[in-house]
Protein backbone atom coordinates (compact mmCIF):
# COMPACT_ATOMS: atom_id res chain seq x y z
CA MET A 1 53.19 94.62 -74.58
CA THR A 2 54.90 91.41 -73.52
CA VAL A 3 53.63 88.13 -74.92
CA GLU A 4 54.27 84.86 -73.11
CA LYS A 5 54.30 81.47 -74.80
CA ILE A 6 52.00 78.82 -73.37
CA GLU A 7 55.07 76.64 -72.92
CA ASN A 8 56.52 79.11 -70.41
CA TYR A 9 53.44 78.68 -68.21
CA ILE A 10 53.65 74.90 -68.53
CA LYS A 11 57.28 75.00 -67.38
CA LYS A 12 56.32 77.21 -64.44
CA TYR A 13 53.02 75.61 -63.33
CA GLY A 14 52.90 72.15 -64.95
CA VAL A 15 50.77 70.68 -67.71
CA PRO A 16 47.13 71.78 -67.48
CA ILE A 17 44.26 69.39 -68.10
CA TYR A 18 42.54 71.76 -70.54
CA ILE A 19 43.40 74.89 -72.53
CA LYS A 20 40.76 77.01 -74.28
CA ILE A 21 42.16 79.38 -76.88
CA ASP A 22 39.93 82.29 -77.89
CA VAL A 23 42.08 84.96 -79.53
CA GLU A 24 40.06 86.17 -82.52
CA GLY A 25 42.11 84.87 -85.46
CA TYR A 26 45.47 84.38 -83.74
CA GLU A 27 44.91 80.75 -82.76
CA TYR A 28 47.78 79.44 -84.88
CA GLU A 29 50.24 81.93 -83.41
CA VAL A 30 49.21 80.86 -79.91
CA ILE A 31 49.39 77.14 -80.76
CA GLN A 32 52.94 77.63 -82.05
CA GLY A 33 53.94 78.61 -78.50
CA LEU A 34 53.08 75.11 -77.34
CA GLU A 35 55.64 72.29 -77.30
CA THR A 36 54.01 69.95 -74.78
CA ALA A 37 50.94 67.87 -75.56
CA VAL A 38 48.05 68.90 -73.29
CA PRO A 39 45.19 66.44 -72.65
CA LEU A 40 42.44 68.67 -74.06
CA ILE A 41 42.59 71.86 -76.13
CA SER A 42 39.80 73.84 -77.75
CA LEU A 43 40.05 76.72 -80.16
CA GLU A 44 37.78 78.73 -82.41
CA ALA A 45 37.57 78.39 -86.17
CA ASN A 46 35.86 81.17 -88.09
CA LEU A 47 35.34 79.87 -91.60
CA PRO A 48 36.10 80.30 -94.37
CA GLU A 49 38.32 83.26 -93.39
CA PHE A 50 40.56 81.21 -91.10
CA LYS A 51 40.28 77.82 -92.80
CA GLN A 52 44.01 77.48 -93.50
CA GLU A 53 44.94 78.67 -90.00
CA SER A 54 42.57 76.05 -88.54
CA VAL A 55 44.17 73.33 -90.66
CA ASN A 56 47.59 74.59 -89.53
CA CYS A 57 46.52 74.32 -85.87
CA ILE A 58 45.32 70.73 -86.32
CA THR A 59 48.52 69.78 -88.14
CA TYR A 60 50.75 71.48 -85.56
CA LEU A 61 49.05 69.74 -82.66
CA SER A 62 49.38 66.38 -84.41
CA ASN A 63 53.08 67.01 -84.94
CA ILE A 64 53.85 67.83 -81.31
CA SER A 65 51.99 64.74 -80.14
CA LYS A 66 53.23 62.32 -82.79
CA ASP A 67 49.67 61.88 -84.14
CA LYS A 68 48.16 61.07 -80.75
CA TYR A 69 45.58 63.84 -80.91
CA VAL A 70 42.10 63.13 -82.19
CA PHE A 71 39.65 65.88 -83.09
CA ASN A 72 35.99 66.81 -82.97
CA PHE A 73 34.01 69.97 -83.52
CA THR A 74 31.15 71.70 -81.77
CA THR A 75 28.48 74.19 -82.63
CA ASN A 76 25.92 75.15 -80.02
CA ASN A 77 27.79 73.08 -77.40
CA SER A 78 27.12 69.76 -79.16
CA PHE A 79 29.73 67.62 -80.87
CA ILE A 80 29.18 67.36 -84.61
CA LEU A 81 30.90 64.02 -85.18
CA ILE A 82 29.91 60.81 -83.40
CA ASN A 83 33.56 60.08 -82.55
CA PHE A 84 36.80 62.01 -82.36
CA VAL A 85 38.77 61.54 -85.59
CA PRO A 86 42.45 61.55 -86.59
CA MET A 87 44.19 64.54 -88.17
CA ASN A 88 43.51 63.66 -91.81
CA GLU A 89 39.76 63.31 -91.23
CA ALA A 90 39.68 66.53 -89.18
CA VAL A 91 41.45 68.43 -91.95
CA LYS A 92 39.01 67.03 -94.52
CA PHE A 93 36.08 68.15 -92.37
CA ILE A 94 37.48 71.69 -91.95
CA THR A 95 38.19 72.07 -95.66
CA THR A 96 34.78 70.82 -96.81
CA THR A 97 32.31 72.11 -94.22
CA GLU A 98 29.83 74.83 -95.04
CA LEU A 99 29.66 75.89 -91.39
CA ARG A 100 30.89 79.41 -90.63
CA TYR A 101 31.91 78.83 -87.01
CA LEU A 102 33.27 75.83 -85.14
CA GLU A 103 34.97 75.12 -81.88
CA ILE A 104 37.76 72.59 -82.56
CA TYR A 105 38.51 70.11 -79.78
CA ALA A 106 41.82 68.26 -79.73
CA LYS A 107 41.94 65.34 -77.30
CA LEU A 108 45.12 63.49 -76.46
CA VAL A 109 44.80 59.71 -76.62
CA LYS A 110 47.22 57.27 -75.08
């Protein structure tokens, strides 16, 4: 099986407005194939099993965007936090929440 990096598609088709990543525990591996900041990205976080991988995803996205991503989380299609928060607050939320499932949203701010 051939695996393509997201970046290859960006080079071919341009930067998308939104990417949803749903790959059952391989979110960090997929995120690592991204070099370009995309305006909106969402990915699953199954906790606590993939807590560190979720933190790694948030950190990686912040690094490729020079800390211009802010984050929020959903359950049942409703945002949990009133506002999107910077990386350090997002990591704190992931590492302390009792929730078992989240959708992480990363939004690029200018």
